Amino acid sequence: MENRIKEYREKYTLSQGKLAKLCNVSRQTINAIENNKYDPTLQLAFDLARNLGVTVDELFFREREDKE
């Protein structure tokens, strides 16, 4: 699953640490999610979206597979 966390986080000039604090997780967790090394729980996905002012659908998406 891909995400736009870094894009929205930078738009609002939030550091990984600040976003982590708002979501009650570690900065390393935010980093792992941004780098697609960890999929957040549903609750964390909602917390991230709420703190970034977007919907979960806007924040997370599946990479489109091109069919030939």
N, C-alpha and C. Protein backbone atom coordinates (compact mmCIF):
# COMPACT_ATOMS: atom_id res chain seq x y z
N MET A 1 0.84 -1.17 0.00
CA MET A 1 0.00 0.00 0.00
C MET A 1 0.89 1.24 0.00
N GLU A 2 0.60 2.16 -0.87
CA GLU A 2 1.35 3.40 -0.97
C GLU A 2 0.67 4.47 -0.11
N ASN A 3 1.39 5.55 0.19
CA ASN A 3 0.78 6.63 0.96
C ASN A 3 1.36 7.98 0.58
N ARG A 4 0.66 9.00 0.99
CA ARG A 4 1.08 10.39 0.73
C ARG A 4 1.37 11.13 2.04
N ILE A 5 1.77 10.39 3.05
CA ILE A 5 2.00 11.01 4.35
C ILE A 5 3.07 12.09 4.27
N LYS A 6 4.20 11.78 3.68
CA LYS A 6 5.29 12.75 3.60
C LYS A 6 4.84 14.01 2.86
N GLU A 7 4.12 13.84 1.77
CA GLU A 7 3.63 14.97 0.99
C GLU A 7 2.77 15.90 1.84
N TYR A 8 1.79 15.33 2.55
CA TYR A 8 0.91 16.15 3.39
C TYR A 8 1.64 16.68 4.62
N ARG A 9 2.52 15.89 5.19
CA ARG A 9 3.28 16.33 6.36
C ARG A 9 4.13 17.55 6.03
N GLU A 10 4.79 17.50 4.88
CA GLU A 10 5.63 18.63 4.47
C GLU A 10 4.79 19.83 4.08
N LYS A 11 3.62 19.61 3.52
CA LYS A 11 2.71 20.70 3.17
C LYS A 11 2.36 21.54 4.40
N TYR A 12 2.18 20.87 5.52
CA TYR A 12 1.84 21.55 6.77
C TYR A 12 3.04 21.79 7.67
N THR A 13 4.23 21.62 7.11
CA THR A 13 5.52 21.81 7.79
C THR A 13 5.57 21.09 9.14
N LEU A 14 5.13 19.84 9.14
CA LEU A 14 5.23 19.01 10.33
C LEU A 14 6.43 18.09 10.19
N SER A 15 7.20 17.99 11.25
CA SER A 15 8.30 17.02 11.25
C SER A 15 7.72 15.64 11.53
N GLN A 16 8.51 14.62 11.26
CA GLN A 16 8.08 13.26 11.60
C GLN A 16 7.83 13.15 13.09
N GLY A 17 8.67 13.79 13.87
CA GLY A 17 8.53 13.75 15.33
C GLY A 17 7.25 14.40 15.81
N LYS A 18 6.91 15.54 15.24
CA LYS A 18 5.69 16.25 15.64
C LYS A 18 4.46 15.43 15.26
N LEU A 19 4.42 14.88 14.05
CA LEU A 19 3.29 14.05 13.64
C LEU A 19 3.20 12.82 14.52
N ALA A 20 4.33 12.23 14.85
CA ALA A 20 4.35 11.06 15.72
C ALA A 20 3.74 11.39 17.08
N LYS A 21 4.12 12.54 17.61
CA LYS A 21 3.59 12.95 18.92
C LYS A 21 2.08 13.14 18.85
N LEU A 22 1.59 13.75 17.78
CA LEU A 22 0.15 13.96 17.62
C LEU A 22 -0.61 12.64 17.54
N CYS A 23 0.05 11.61 17.01
CA CYS A 23 -0.59 10.29 16.81
C CYS A 23 -0.21 9.28 17.91
N ASN A 24 0.57 9.73 18.88
CA ASN A 24 1.00 8.86 19.99
C ASN A 24 1.77 7.62 19.52
N VAL A 25 2.68 7.83 18.57
CA VAL A 25 3.58 6.77 18.12
C VAL A 25 4.99 7.34 18.06
N SER A 26 5.96 6.50 17.75
CA SER A 26 7.34 6.98 17.65
C SER A 26 7.62 7.58 16.28
N ARG A 27 8.66 8.40 16.22
CA ARG A 27 9.09 8.97 14.95
C ARG A 27 9.49 7.86 13.98
N GLN A 28 10.07 6.79 14.52
CA GLN A 28 10.48 5.67 13.69
C GLN A 28 9.28 5.01 13.02
N THR A 29 8.15 4.98 13.70
CA THR A 29 6.93 4.42 13.12
C THR A 29 6.49 5.25 11.93
N ILE A 30 6.50 6.57 12.07
CA ILE A 30 6.12 7.45 10.96
C ILE A 30 7.07 7.25 9.79
N ASN A 31 8.36 7.17 10.09
CA ASN A 31 9.35 6.94 9.04
C ASN A 31 9.11 5.63 8.31
N ALA A 32 8.84 4.58 9.05
CA ALA A 32 8.60 3.26 8.44
C ALA A 32 7.35 3.28 7.56
N ILE A 33 6.30 3.96 8.01
CA ILE A 33 5.08 4.04 7.21
C ILE A 33 5.34 4.83 5.94
N GLU A 34 6.01 5.98 6.06
CA GLU A 34 6.32 6.81 4.89
C GLU A 34 7.13 6.04 3.86
N ASN A 35 8.00 5.16 4.32
CA ASN A 35 8.86 4.40 3.41
C ASN A 35 8.29 3.04 3.04
N ASN A 36 6.99 2.87 3.30
CA ASN A 36 6.27 1.64 2.94
C ASN A 36 6.90 0.38 3.52
N LYS A 37 7.47 0.51 4.72
CA LYS A 37 8.04 -0.66 5.40
C LYS A 37 7.11 -1.18 6.48
N TYR A 38 6.02 -0.45 6.73
CA TYR A 38 5.08 -0.82 7.78
C TYR A 38 3.71 -0.29 7.40
N ASP A 39 2.70 -1.15 7.50
CA ASP A 39 1.32 -0.72 7.27
C ASP A 39 0.70 -0.40 8.62
N PRO A 40 0.15 0.80 8.77
CA PRO A 40 -0.41 1.19 10.07
C PRO A 40 -1.69 0.42 10.38
N THR A 41 -2.01 0.38 11.65
CA THR A 41 -3.30 -0.17 12.06
C THR A 41 -4.39 0.75 11.53
N LEU A 42 -5.60 0.27 11.51
CA LEU A 42 -6.72 1.09 11.05
C LEU A 42 -6.85 2.35 11.92
N GLN A 43 -6.71 2.18 13.22
CA GLN A 43 -6.81 3.34 14.13
C GLN A 43 -5.73 4.37 13.83
N LEU A 44 -4.51 3.91 13.60
CA LEU A 44 -3.41 4.83 13.30
C LEU A 44 -3.64 5.51 11.95
N ALA A 45 -4.17 4.79 10.98
CA ALA A 45 -4.47 5.39 9.68
C ALA A 45 -5.46 6.54 9.84
N PHE A 46 -6.49 6.32 10.66
CA PHE A 46 -7.47 7.38 10.91
C PHE A 46 -6.84 8.55 11.67
N ASP A 47 -5.98 8.25 12.64
CA ASP A 47 -5.29 9.32 13.38
C ASP A 47 -4.40 10.14 12.47
N LEU A 48 -3.66 9.47 11.60
CA LEU A 48 -2.80 10.18 10.65
C LEU A 48 -3.62 11.09 9.74
N ALA A 49 -4.69 10.54 9.19
CA ALA A 49 -5.54 11.32 8.29
C ALA A 49 -6.13 12.53 9.02
N ARG A 50 -6.63 12.31 10.22
CA ARG A 50 -7.24 13.41 10.99
C ARG A 50 -6.21 14.51 11.26
N ASN A 51 -5.02 14.12 11.69
CA ASN A 51 -3.98 15.10 12.00
C ASN A 51 -3.42 15.80 10.78
N LEU A 52 -3.58 15.20 9.61
CA LEU A 52 -3.11 15.83 8.37
C LEU A 52 -4.24 16.51 7.61
N GLY A 53 -5.46 16.45 8.15
CA GLY A 53 -6.59 17.16 7.56
C GLY A 53 -7.09 16.58 6.25
N VAL A 54 -6.95 15.26 6.10
CA VAL A 54 -7.40 14.60 4.87
C VAL A 54 -8.17 13.33 5.25
N THR A 55 -8.74 12.68 4.25
CA THR A 55 -9.41 11.41 4.50
C THR A 55 -8.39 10.28 4.37
N VAL A 56 -8.75 9.13 4.91
CA VAL A 56 -7.88 7.96 4.78
C VAL A 56 -7.69 7.61 3.31
N ASP A 57 -8.77 7.76 2.51
CA ASP A 57 -8.68 7.48 1.08
C ASP A 57 -7.69 8.39 0.36
N GLU A 58 -7.59 9.63 0.81
CA GLU A 58 -6.65 10.57 0.20
C GLU A 58 -5.21 10.24 0.60
N LEU A 59 -5.05 9.67 1.78
CA LEU A 59 -3.72 9.42 2.33
C LEU A 59 -3.12 8.09 1.89
N PHE A 60 -3.96 7.07 1.74
CA PHE A 60 -3.48 5.73 1.38
C PHE A 60 -4.13 5.26 0.10
N PHE A 61 -3.35 4.55 -0.71
CA PHE A 61 -3.88 4.03 -1.97
C PHE A 61 -3.07 2.82 -2.39
N ARG A 62 -3.68 2.02 -3.21
CA ARG A 62 -2.96 0.86 -3.78
C ARG A 62 -2.29 1.30 -5.06
N GLU A 63 -1.08 0.82 -5.25
CA GLU A 63 -0.37 1.12 -6.49
C GLU A 63 -1.12 0.44 -7.63
N ARG A 64 -1.42 1.18 -8.65
CA ARG A 64 -2.18 0.66 -9.79
C ARG A 64 -1.34 -0.30 -10.60
N GLU A 65 -1.92 -1.43 -10.91
CA GLU A 65 -1.23 -2.40 -11.75
C GLU A 65 -1.72 -2.24 -13.17
N ASP A 66 -0.80 -1.97 -14.07
CA ASP A 66 -1.18 -1.83 -15.49
C ASP A 66 -1.33 -3.20 -16.10
N LYS A 67 -2.46 -3.41 -16.75
CA LYS A 67 -2.70 -4.67 -17.44
C LYS A 67 -2.46 -4.48 -18.92
N GLU A 68 -1.74 -5.42 -19.49
CA GLU A 68 -1.44 -5.31 -20.92
C GLU A 68 -2.27 -6.29 -21.70
